[in-house]
Every structure is written in structure tokens, then in C-alpha cells.
Amino acid sequence: MALSDITRSEVEKAIEECDRLGRDLFLQRYGFRRARRYLLSHEGRQYDSKAVVGAAHGFLPGRAREALREILLRVAAERHDAVRDATREPSSASP
């Protein structure tokens, strides 16, 4: 499903989830970081735009939220592995 399929209803559900969980847990759940540039304003509060849209995608009809969550968890694990590998000191070869 495309970004254009997301409606106000799904965005509001994502915002409600963010309010219920709190910002940090919401971001952690969906594998996003805090927004640096674009925030979404709703009823006087601001939200991390990409995280809200990512979560809203999981609320689309016929879309299993767990499928999106699994993808995000896999991406987070790959990032973790890449950081670990990048910071690992090269092993010295034995003579």
C-alpha cells in the first residue's frame, strides 16, 4: 500500500498510540528517531512526522500492523549489526 492510501483516520490512530505510549517508547516501537526537521502539529501538540506516518501505515485496512513492525525490527537489527561491525577492531593476522 502506498503513502497516498493513508487517511486522516490512520494518522489519528497513530497519534493516539503515541499519546498512550509516550514519545520515546512510540519511536522505539516503530524504529524511528526523533524528528530533526519536520514535525506534525495536532491539537496543539507536536509529533515526529515520519514515525506517525510509519505507524499510520500499519493501521490501514487489510494491513497487519505486526508485518510492519517485523520489517522495522529487522531494519533495526541490521543497523545494529552494521554499527557493531564498523566499530570492531580489525583482527591481527598471526605470523
C-alpha atoms as a PDB file:
ATOM      1  CA  MET A   1       0.000   0.000   0.000  1.00  0.00           C
ATOM      2  CA  ALA A   2       1.188   3.466  -0.865  1.00  0.00           C
ATOM      3  CA  LEU A   3       1.691   6.549   1.237  1.00  0.00           C
ATOM      4  CA  SER A   4      -1.285   8.103  -0.558  1.00  0.00           C
ATOM      5  CA  ASP A   5      -3.520   5.355   0.913  1.00  0.00           C
ATOM      6  CA  ILE A   6      -3.068   6.730   4.440  1.00  0.00           C
ATOM      7  CA  THR A   7      -6.033   8.803   5.578  1.00  0.00           C
ATOM      8  CA  ARG A   8      -6.660  11.127   8.494  1.00  0.00           C
ATOM      9  CA  SER A   9      -8.190   8.195  10.365  1.00  0.00           C
ATOM     10  CA  GLU A  10      -4.971   6.173  10.350  1.00  0.00           C
ATOM     11  CA  VAL A  11      -2.906   9.227  11.287  1.00  0.00           C
ATOM     12  CA  GLU A  12      -5.206   9.952  14.236  1.00  0.00           C
ATOM     13  CA  LYS A  13      -4.904   6.335  15.409  1.00  0.00           C
ATOM     14  CA  ALA A  14      -1.109   6.623  15.264  1.00  0.00           C
ATOM     15  CA  ILE A  15      -1.227   9.893  17.202  1.00  0.00           C
ATOM     16  CA  GLU A  16      -3.446   8.276  19.836  1.00  0.00           C
ATOM     17  CA  GLU A  17      -0.936   5.441  20.151  1.00  0.00           C
ATOM     18  CA  CYS A  18       1.910   7.931  20.514  1.00  0.00           C
ATOM     19  CA  ASP A  19      -0.006   9.748  23.269  1.00  0.00           C
ATOM     20  CA  ARG A  20      -0.727   6.462  25.025  1.00  0.00           C
ATOM     21  CA  LEU A  21       2.844   5.119  24.844  1.00  0.00           C
ATOM     22  CA  GLY A  22       4.747   8.363  25.143  1.00  0.00           C
ATOM     23  CA  ARG A  23       7.158   9.727  22.566  1.00  0.00           C
ATOM     24  CA  ASP A  24      10.248   7.676  23.360  1.00  0.00           C
ATOM     25  CA  LEU A  25       8.504   4.304  23.567  1.00  0.00           C
ATOM     26  CA  PHE A  26       6.489   5.085  20.423  1.00  0.00           C
ATOM     27  CA  LEU A  27       9.671   5.897  18.500  1.00  0.00           C
ATOM     28  CA  GLN A  28      11.379   2.803  19.838  1.00  0.00           C
ATOM     29  CA  ARG A  29       8.433   0.568  18.952  1.00  0.00           C
ATOM     30  CA  TYR A  30       8.485   1.678  15.319  1.00  0.00           C
ATOM     31  CA  GLY A  31      12.241   2.046  14.933  1.00  0.00           C
ATOM     32  CA  PHE A  32      12.380   5.790  14.370  1.00  0.00           C
ATOM     33  CA  ARG A  33      14.493   8.559  15.831  1.00  0.00           C
ATOM     34  CA  ARG A  34      13.295  11.977  16.928  1.00  0.00           C
ATOM     35  CA  ALA A  35      12.419  14.260  14.049  1.00  0.00           C
ATOM     36  CA  ARG A  36      15.111  16.797  13.269  1.00  0.00           C
ATOM     37  CA  ARG A  37      13.254  18.878  10.758  1.00  0.00           C
ATOM     38  CA  TYR A  38       9.578  18.105  10.209  1.00  0.00           C
ATOM     39  CA  LEU A  39       7.040  17.853  12.997  1.00  0.00           C
ATOM     40  CA  LEU A  40       3.336  17.171  12.731  1.00  0.00           C
ATOM     41  CA  SER A  41       1.084  19.521  14.733  1.00  0.00           C
ATOM     42  CA  HIS A  42      -2.215  18.192  16.028  1.00  0.00           C
ATOM     43  CA  GLU A  43      -4.450  19.818  18.641  1.00  0.00           C
ATOM     44  CA  GLY A  44      -1.628  21.963  19.973  1.00  0.00           C
ATOM     45  CA  ARG A  45       0.907  19.129  20.276  1.00  0.00           C
ATOM     46  CA  GLN A  46       3.797  18.192  18.030  1.00  0.00           C
ATOM     47  CA  TYR A  47       4.685  14.707  16.813  1.00  0.00           C
ATOM     48  CA  ASP A  48       7.544  13.115  14.883  1.00  0.00           C
ATOM     49  CA  SER A  49       6.135  13.134  11.347  1.00  0.00           C
ATOM     50  CA  LYS A  50       7.889  10.095   9.873  1.00  0.00           C
ATOM     51  CA  ALA A  51       7.139   7.938  12.898  1.00  0.00           C
ATOM     52  CA  VAL A  52       3.457   8.885  12.818  1.00  0.00           C
ATOM     53  CA  VAL A  53       3.194   8.096   9.108  1.00  0.00           C
ATOM     54  CA  GLY A  54       5.049   4.808   9.593  1.00  0.00           C
ATOM     55  CA  ALA A  55       2.715   3.806  12.415  1.00  0.00           C
ATOM     56  CA  ALA A  56      -0.333   5.038  10.460  1.00  0.00           C
ATOM     57  CA  HIS A  57       0.614   2.723   7.618  1.00  0.00           C
ATOM     58  CA  GLY A  58       0.121  -0.185   9.992  1.00  0.00           C
ATOM     59  CA  PHE A  59      -3.443   0.934  10.692  1.00  0.00           C
ATOM     60  CA  LEU A  60      -4.516   0.677   7.039  1.00  0.00           C
ATOM     61  CA  PRO A  61      -7.358  -1.780   6.464  1.00  0.00           C
ATOM     62  CA  GLY A  62      -6.052  -5.190   5.474  1.00  0.00           C
ATOM     63  CA  ARG A  63      -2.565  -4.344   6.670  1.00  0.00           C
ATOM     64  CA  ALA A  64      -1.263  -6.363   9.547  1.00  0.00           C
ATOM     65  CA  ARG A  65       0.467  -3.992  11.974  1.00  0.00           C
ATOM     66  CA  GLU A  66       2.744  -6.802  13.000  1.00  0.00           C
ATOM     67  CA  ALA A  67       4.090  -7.152   9.450  1.00  0.00           C
ATOM     68  CA  LEU A  68       5.264  -3.546   9.519  1.00  0.00           C
ATOM     69  CA  ARG A  69       6.659  -3.975  12.998  1.00  0.00           C
ATOM     70  CA  GLU A  70       8.605  -7.070  11.893  1.00  0.00           C
ATOM     71  CA  ILE A  71      10.132  -5.158   8.993  1.00  0.00           C
ATOM     72  CA  LEU A  72      11.144  -2.277  11.252  1.00  0.00           C
ATOM     73  CA  LEU A  73      12.643  -4.648  13.801  1.00  0.00           C
ATOM     74  CA  ARG A  74      14.646  -6.350  11.055  1.00  0.00           C
ATOM     75  CA  VAL A  75      15.964  -2.981   9.839  1.00  0.00           C
ATOM     76  CA  ALA A  76      16.895  -2.001  13.406  1.00  0.00           C
ATOM     77  CA  ALA A  77      18.762  -5.301  13.860  1.00  0.00           C
ATOM     78  CA  GLU A  78      20.634  -4.769  10.597  1.00  0.00           C
ATOM     79  CA  ARG A  79      21.614  -1.248  11.696  1.00  0.00           C
ATOM     80  CA  HIS A  80      22.839  -2.641  14.996  1.00  0.00           C
ATOM     81  CA  ASP A  81      24.941  -5.276  13.205  1.00  0.00           C
ATOM     82  CA  ALA A  82      26.394  -2.672  10.842  1.00  0.00           C
ATOM     83  CA  VAL A  83      27.380  -0.392  13.723  1.00  0.00           C
ATOM     84  CA  ARG A  84      28.898  -3.311  15.615  1.00  0.00           C
ATOM     85  CA  ASP A  85      30.892  -4.390  12.565  1.00  0.00           C
ATOM     86  CA  ALA A  86      32.052  -0.831  11.854  1.00  0.00           C
ATOM     87  CA  THR A  87      33.330  -0.343  15.394  1.00  0.00           C
ATOM     88  CA  ARG A  88      35.006  -3.733  15.689  1.00  0.00           C
ATOM     89  CA  GLU A  89      38.786  -3.548  15.624  1.00  0.00           C
ATOM     90  CA  PRO A  90      40.392  -5.498  12.814  1.00  0.00           C
ATOM     91  CA  SER A  91      41.905  -8.752  13.999  1.00  0.00           C
ATOM     92  CA  SER A  92      45.632  -9.029  13.566  1.00  0.00           C
ATOM     93  CA  ALA A  93      46.830 -11.886  11.454  1.00  0.00           C
ATOM     94  CA  SER A  94      49.050 -14.476  13.152  1.00  0.00           C
ATOM     95  CA  PRO A  95      52.570 -14.861  11.662  1.00  0.00           C
END
